[in-house]
């Protein structure tokens, strides 16, 4: 990961104006963010910049490029410019829940815990609320995907075993077997 120091402040403010995480900030607050040294980084293609199960409280806002998210080496999703990543470790101060690899070269804002703590309270509160809203949206999306997958599994199970949901009804002429009689007897004695 390389720091980018030669990006113009005007260009950076322009990027910040387009990022949903910062849209609700006042212009002076976005300008303040643009003036923070070493906030812009280049993450080269193929670079793993968040590693599952490691402790690291930085989070990233992608300005351009794409990143792949995986859990236990299983591909989960691709994220693109305008999205933030690494927010769970940042907010919860927990080990990383996923691994993130640069699919392309990425230019991103890297927000460290120390840097975030220096921001004015109104900026921190606004950013935290946007992060929480983003997490809620992601959880809702995952819940929808889980429900869709459960429906698909149910459909496949019915195709494999069409009699799965049929209930065997005893015929009137059939006498109960001994276990049924014992069961009834035990219930009466209780």
C-alpha atoms as a PDB file:
ATOM      1  CA  UNK A   1       0.000   0.000   0.000  1.00  0.00           C
ATOM      2  CA  UNK A   2       1.409   3.357  -1.001  1.00  0.00           C
ATOM      3  CA  UNK A   3       0.464   6.798   0.232  1.00  0.00           C
ATOM      4  CA  UNK A   4      -0.563   9.278  -2.442  1.00  0.00           C
ATOM      5  CA  UNK A   5       0.517  12.781  -1.498  1.00  0.00           C
ATOM      6  CA  UNK A   6       0.291  14.535  -4.841  1.00  0.00           C
ATOM      7  CA  UNK A   7      -3.495  14.456  -5.304  1.00  0.00           C
ATOM      8  CA  UNK A   8      -4.939  17.951  -5.491  1.00  0.00           C
ATOM      9  CA  UNK A   9      -7.175  19.009  -2.610  1.00  0.00           C
ATOM     10  CA  UNK A  10      -9.774  20.207  -5.114  1.00  0.00           C
ATOM     11  CA  UNK A  11      -9.892  16.775  -6.763  1.00  0.00           C
ATOM     12  CA  UNK A  12     -10.144  15.064  -3.382  1.00  0.00           C
ATOM     13  CA  UNK A  13     -13.010  17.342  -2.285  1.00  0.00           C
ATOM     14  CA  UNK A  14     -14.728  16.503  -5.582  1.00  0.00           C
ATOM     15  CA  UNK A  15     -14.409  12.775  -4.756  1.00  0.00           C
ATOM     16  CA  UNK A  16     -15.695  13.345  -1.214  1.00  0.00           C
ATOM     17  CA  UNK A  17     -18.732  15.216  -2.561  1.00  0.00           C
ATOM     18  CA  UNK A  18     -19.760  12.095  -4.501  1.00  0.00           C
ATOM     19  CA  UNK A  19     -19.264   9.532  -1.739  1.00  0.00           C
ATOM     20  CA  UNK A  20     -22.529   8.750   0.115  1.00  0.00           C
ATOM     21  CA  UNK A  21     -20.645   8.428   3.409  1.00  0.00           C
ATOM     22  CA  UNK A  22     -19.677  12.117   3.235  1.00  0.00           C
ATOM     23  CA  UNK A  23     -22.556  13.697   1.290  1.00  0.00           C
ATOM     24  CA  UNK A  24     -24.382  14.859   4.406  1.00  0.00           C
ATOM     25  CA  UNK A  25     -21.281  16.581   5.806  1.00  0.00           C
ATOM     26  CA  UNK A  26     -20.976  20.321   5.503  1.00  0.00           C
ATOM     27  CA  UNK A  27     -18.602  21.530   2.757  1.00  0.00           C
ATOM     28  CA  UNK A  28     -16.117  22.798   5.370  1.00  0.00           C
ATOM     29  CA  UNK A  29     -16.020  19.314   6.937  1.00  0.00           C
ATOM     30  CA  UNK A  30     -15.318  17.629   3.598  1.00  0.00           C
ATOM     31  CA  UNK A  31     -12.600  20.202   2.969  1.00  0.00           C
ATOM     32  CA  UNK A  32     -11.128  19.445   6.394  1.00  0.00           C
ATOM     33  CA  UNK A  33     -11.033  15.718   5.477  1.00  0.00           C
ATOM     34  CA  UNK A  34      -9.299  16.543   2.200  1.00  0.00           C
ATOM     35  CA  UNK A  35      -6.575  18.359   4.134  1.00  0.00           C
ATOM     36  CA  UNK A  36      -5.661  15.357   6.287  1.00  0.00           C
ATOM     37  CA  UNK A  37      -2.170  14.178   5.301  1.00  0.00           C
ATOM     38  CA  UNK A  38      -1.621  10.585   4.146  1.00  0.00           C
ATOM     39  CA  UNK A  39      -5.317   9.735   3.973  1.00  0.00           C
ATOM     40  CA  UNK A  40      -5.232   8.738   0.285  1.00  0.00           C
ATOM     41  CA  UNK A  41      -3.580   5.414  -0.534  1.00  0.00           C
ATOM     42  CA  UNK A  42      -2.935   3.311  -3.623  1.00  0.00           C
ATOM     43  CA  UNK A  43      -3.636  -0.381  -3.168  1.00  0.00           C
ATOM     44  CA  UNK A  44      -2.138  -2.336  -6.033  1.00  0.00           C
ATOM     45  CA  UNK A  45      -4.016  -5.100  -7.826  1.00  0.00           C
ATOM     46  CA  UNK A  46      -3.695  -8.433  -6.019  1.00  0.00           C
ATOM     47  CA  UNK A  47      -2.746  -6.837  -2.699  1.00  0.00           C
ATOM     48  CA  UNK A  48      -4.562  -8.247   0.351  1.00  0.00           C
ATOM     49  CA  UNK A  49      -5.230  -5.193   2.499  1.00  0.00           C
ATOM     50  CA  UNK A  50      -7.613  -6.674   5.060  1.00  0.00           C
ATOM     51  CA  UNK A  51      -6.935 -10.172   6.417  1.00  0.00           C
ATOM     52  CA  UNK A  52      -9.581 -12.296   8.088  1.00  0.00           C
ATOM     53  CA  UNK A  53      -9.036 -12.881  11.837  1.00  0.00           C
ATOM     54  CA  UNK A  54      -6.385 -10.166  12.148  1.00  0.00           C
ATOM     55  CA  UNK A  55      -6.865  -7.139  14.371  1.00  0.00           C
ATOM     56  CA  UNK A  56      -6.704  -3.872  12.489  1.00  0.00           C
ATOM     57  CA  UNK A  57      -9.024  -0.942  13.039  1.00  0.00           C
ATOM     58  CA  UNK A  58      -8.547   0.919   9.737  1.00  0.00           C
ATOM     59  CA  UNK A  59     -11.398   1.237   7.305  1.00  0.00           C
ATOM     60  CA  UNK A  60     -11.309   2.217   3.658  1.00  0.00           C
ATOM     61  CA  UNK A  61     -13.514   4.213   1.333  1.00  0.00           C
ATOM     62  CA  UNK A  62     -12.904   3.236  -2.270  1.00  0.00           C
ATOM     63  CA  UNK A  63     -12.501   6.219  -4.589  1.00  0.00           C
ATOM     64  CA  UNK A  64     -11.968   3.988  -7.611  1.00  0.00           C
ATOM     65  CA  UNK A  65     -11.240   0.371  -8.403  1.00  0.00           C
ATOM     66  CA  UNK A  66     -12.715  -2.903  -7.191  1.00  0.00           C
ATOM     67  CA  UNK A  67     -12.049  -5.213  -4.266  1.00  0.00           C
ATOM     68  CA  UNK A  68     -13.048  -8.822  -3.677  1.00  0.00           C
ATOM     69  CA  UNK A  69     -14.315  -9.945  -0.307  1.00  0.00           C
ATOM     70  CA  UNK A  70     -13.871 -13.536   0.854  1.00  0.00           C
ATOM     71  CA  UNK A  71     -14.519 -15.478   4.030  1.00  0.00           C
ATOM     72  CA  UNK A  72     -12.531 -18.642   4.685  1.00  0.00           C
ATOM     73  CA  UNK A  73     -11.162 -18.347   1.118  1.00  0.00           C
ATOM     74  CA  UNK A  74     -14.730 -18.437  -0.253  1.00  0.00           C
ATOM     75  CA  UNK A  75     -15.694 -15.518  -2.530  1.00  0.00           C
ATOM     76  CA  UNK A  76     -18.501 -13.440  -1.009  1.00  0.00           C
ATOM     77  CA  UNK A  77     -18.794 -10.212  -3.020  1.00  0.00           C
ATOM     78  CA  UNK A  78     -17.126  -7.497  -5.042  1.00  0.00           C
ATOM     79  CA  UNK A  79     -17.206  -3.896  -3.885  1.00  0.00           C
ATOM     80  CA  UNK A  80     -16.594  -0.815  -6.009  1.00  0.00           C
ATOM     81  CA  UNK A  81     -15.913   2.916  -5.821  1.00  0.00           C
ATOM     82  CA  UNK A  82     -18.010   4.864  -3.337  1.00  0.00           C
ATOM     83  CA  UNK A  83     -18.339   1.953  -0.927  1.00  0.00           C
ATOM     84  CA  UNK A  84     -16.566   1.550   2.375  1.00  0.00           C
ATOM     85  CA  UNK A  85     -14.969  -1.598   3.687  1.00  0.00           C
ATOM     86  CA  UNK A  86     -13.456  -2.746   6.970  1.00  0.00           C
ATOM     87  CA  UNK A  87     -16.074  -0.920   9.018  1.00  0.00           C
ATOM     88  CA  UNK A  88     -16.897  -3.867  11.306  1.00  0.00           C
ATOM     89  CA  UNK A  89     -13.345  -4.065  12.660  1.00  0.00           C
ATOM     90  CA  UNK A  90     -13.259  -0.282  12.872  1.00  0.00           C
ATOM     91  CA  UNK A  91     -16.546   0.184  14.755  1.00  0.00           C
ATOM     92  CA  UNK A  92     -16.438  -2.960  16.921  1.00  0.00           C
ATOM     93  CA  UNK A  93     -12.661  -3.127  17.443  1.00  0.00           C
ATOM     94  CA  UNK A  94     -12.779  -6.838  16.622  1.00  0.00           C
ATOM     95  CA  UNK A  95     -10.776  -9.186  14.443  1.00  0.00           C
ATOM     96  CA  UNK A  96     -11.517  -8.911  10.744  1.00  0.00           C
ATOM     97  CA  UNK A  97     -14.508 -10.952   9.606  1.00  0.00           C
ATOM     98  CA  UNK A  98     -13.315 -11.218   5.990  1.00  0.00           C
ATOM     99  CA  UNK A  99     -10.321 -10.943   3.703  1.00  0.00           C
ATOM    100  CA  UNK A 100     -10.292  -8.152   1.123  1.00  0.00           C
ATOM    101  CA  UNK A 101      -8.104  -8.244  -1.976  1.00  0.00           C
ATOM    102  CA  UNK A 102      -7.660  -5.526  -4.587  1.00  0.00           C
ATOM    103  CA  UNK A 103      -9.201  -6.864  -7.807  1.00  0.00           C
ATOM    104  CA  UNK A 104      -7.846  -3.816  -9.648  1.00  0.00           C
ATOM    105  CA  UNK A 105      -5.580  -0.986  -8.603  1.00  0.00           C
ATOM    106  CA  UNK A 106      -7.530   0.980  -6.005  1.00  0.00           C
ATOM    107  CA  UNK A 107      -7.297   4.540  -4.833  1.00  0.00           C
ATOM    108  CA  UNK A 108      -8.893   4.757  -1.391  1.00  0.00           C
ATOM    109  CA  UNK A 109      -9.189   6.838   1.711  1.00  0.00           C
ATOM    110  CA  UNK A 110      -7.633   4.981   4.617  1.00  0.00           C
ATOM    111  CA  UNK A 111      -9.182   6.076   7.900  1.00  0.00           C
ATOM    112  CA  UNK A 112      -7.258   5.017  10.985  1.00  0.00           C
ATOM    113  CA  UNK A 113      -8.677   4.999  14.513  1.00  0.00           C
ATOM    114  CA  UNK A 114      -6.227   7.762  15.531  1.00  0.00           C
ATOM    115  CA  UNK A 115      -7.245   9.920  12.592  1.00  0.00           C
ATOM    116  CA  UNK A 116     -10.944   9.365  13.246  1.00  0.00           C
ATOM    117  CA  UNK A 117     -10.530  10.335  16.912  1.00  0.00           C
ATOM    118  CA  UNK A 118      -9.124  13.716  15.825  1.00  0.00           C
ATOM    119  CA  UNK A 119     -12.239  14.600  13.817  1.00  0.00           C
ATOM    120  CA  UNK A 120     -14.843  16.965  15.286  1.00  0.00           C
ATOM    121  CA  UNK A 121     -17.651  15.200  17.136  1.00  0.00           C
ATOM    122  CA  UNK A 122     -20.342  16.177  14.583  1.00  0.00           C
ATOM    123  CA  UNK A 123     -18.262  14.628  11.779  1.00  0.00           C
ATOM    124  CA  UNK A 124     -17.590  11.434  13.765  1.00  0.00           C
ATOM    125  CA  UNK A 125     -21.270  11.078  14.643  1.00  0.00           C
ATOM    126  CA  UNK A 126     -22.366  11.601  11.043  1.00  0.00           C
ATOM    127  CA  UNK A 127     -19.846   9.102   9.682  1.00  0.00           C
ATOM    128  CA  UNK A 128     -20.665   6.515  12.369  1.00  0.00           C
ATOM    129  CA  UNK A 129     -24.385   6.824  11.609  1.00  0.00           C
ATOM    130  CA  UNK A 130     -23.729   6.342   7.876  1.00  0.00           C
ATOM    131  CA  UNK A 131     -21.598   3.284   8.640  1.00  0.00           C
ATOM    132  CA  UNK A 132     -24.344   1.838  10.840  1.00  0.00           C
ATOM    133  CA  UNK A 133     -26.921   2.517   8.099  1.00  0.00           C
ATOM    134  CA  UNK A 134     -24.642   0.763   5.613  1.00  0.00           C
ATOM    135  CA  UNK A 135     -24.324  -2.248   7.913  1.00  0.00           C
ATOM    136  CA  UNK A 136     -28.099  -2.447   8.322  1.00  0.00           C
ATOM    137  CA  UNK A 137     -28.504  -2.357   4.539  1.00  0.00           C
ATOM    138  CA  UNK A 138     -25.937  -5.145   4.133  1.00  0.00           C
ATOM    139  CA  UNK A 139     -27.603  -7.309   6.797  1.00  0.00           C
ATOM    140  CA  UNK A 140     -31.014  -6.803   5.160  1.00  0.00           C
ATOM    141  CA  UNK A 141     -29.557  -7.749   1.794  1.00  0.00           C
ATOM    142  CA  UNK A 142     -27.932 -10.871   3.245  1.00  0.00           C
ATOM    143  CA  UNK A 143     -31.194 -11.831   4.961  1.00  0.00           C
ATOM    144  CA  UNK A 144     -33.008 -11.604   1.619  1.00  0.00           C
ATOM    145  CA  UNK A 145     -30.350 -13.765   0.001  1.00  0.00           C
ATOM    146  CA  UNK A 146     -30.653 -16.345   2.787  1.00  0.00           C
ATOM    147  CA  UNK A 147     -34.433 -16.503   2.362  1.00  0.00           C
ATOM    148  CA  UNK A 148     -34.027 -16.937  -1.403  1.00  0.00           C
ATOM    149  CA  UNK A 149     -31.513 -19.738  -0.868  1.00  0.00           C
ATOM    150  CA  UNK A 150     -33.797 -21.460   1.640  1.00  0.00           C
ATOM    151  CA  UNK A 151     -36.609 -21.388  -0.926  1.00  0.00           C
ATOM    152  CA  UNK A 152     -34.282 -22.851  -3.561  1.00  0.00           C
ATOM    153  CA  UNK A 153     -33.190 -25.627  -1.177  1.00  0.00           C
ATOM    154  CA  UNK A 154     -36.810 -26.375  -0.311  1.00  0.00           C
ATOM    155  CA  UNK A 155     -37.718 -26.581  -4.017  1.00  0.00           C
ATOM    156  CA  UNK A 156     -34.778 -28.899  -4.728  1.00  0.00           C
ATOM    157  CA  UNK A 157     -35.625 -31.117  -1.764  1.00  0.00           C
ATOM    158  CA  UNK A 158     -39.193 -31.454  -3.023  1.00  0.00           C
ATOM    159  CA  UNK A 159     -37.882 -32.385  -6.482  1.00  0.00           C
ATOM    160  CA  UNK A 160     -35.652 -35.051  -4.951  1.00  0.00           C
ATOM    161  CA  UNK A 161     -38.273 -36.336  -2.520  1.00  0.00           C
ATOM    162  CA  UNK A 162     -41.798 -35.407  -3.688  1.00  0.00           C
ATOM    163  CA  UNK A 163     -43.374 -37.347  -0.784  1.00  0.00           C
ATOM    164  CA  UNK A 164     -41.431 -35.375   1.810  1.00  0.00           C
ATOM    165  CA  UNK A 165     -44.381 -33.354   3.100  1.00  0.00           C
ATOM    166  CA  UNK A 166     -47.024 -36.092   2.864  1.00  0.00           C
ATOM    167  CA  UNK A 167     -48.426 -37.274   6.181  1.00  0.00           C
ATOM    168  CA  UNK A 168     -49.323 -40.944   6.470  1.00  0.00           C
ATOM    169  CA  UNK A 169     -52.838 -41.220   7.842  1.00  0.00           C
ATOM    170  CA  UNK A 170     -53.688 -44.523   9.539  1.00  0.00           C
ATOM    171  CA  UNK A 171     -56.493 -46.483   7.917  1.00  0.00           C
ATOM    172  CA  UNK A 172     -59.608 -47.101   9.992  1.00  0.00           C
ATOM    173  CA  UNK A 173     -59.330 -50.889   9.696  1.00  0.00           C
ATOM    174  CA  UNK A 174     -55.760 -51.008  10.936  1.00  0.00           C
ATOM    175  CA  UNK A 175     -55.406 -51.912  14.595  1.00  0.00           C
ATOM    176  CA  UNK A 176     -52.844 -49.980  16.644  1.00  0.00           C
ATOM    177  CA  UNK A 177     -49.655 -51.911  17.206  1.00  0.00           C
ATOM    178  CA  UNK A 178     -48.318 -52.735  20.670  1.00  0.00           C
ATOM    179  CA  UNK A 179     -46.161 -49.618  20.925  1.00  0.00           C
ATOM    180  CA  UNK A 180     -49.173 -47.417  20.212  1.00  0.00           C
ATOM    181  CA  UNK A 181     -51.158 -49.240  22.939  1.00  0.00           C
ATOM    182  CA  UNK A 182     -48.308 -48.917  25.394  1.00  0.00           C
ATOM    183  CA  UNK A 183     -47.935 -45.251  24.576  1.00  0.00           C
ATOM    184  CA  UNK A 184     -51.620 -44.639  25.184  1.00  0.00           C
ATOM    185  CA  UNK A 185     -51.461 -46.682  28.366  1.00  0.00           C
ATOM    186  CA  UNK A 186     -48.468 -44.698  29.656  1.00  0.00           C
ATOM    187  CA  UNK A 187     -50.248 -41.452  28.989  1.00  0.00           C
ATOM    188  CA  UNK A 188     -53.310 -42.618  30.946  1.00  0.00           C
ATOM    189  CA  UNK A 189     -51.149 -43.630  33.911  1.00  0.00           C
ATOM    190  CA  UNK A 190     -49.434 -40.287  34.121  1.00  0.00           C
END
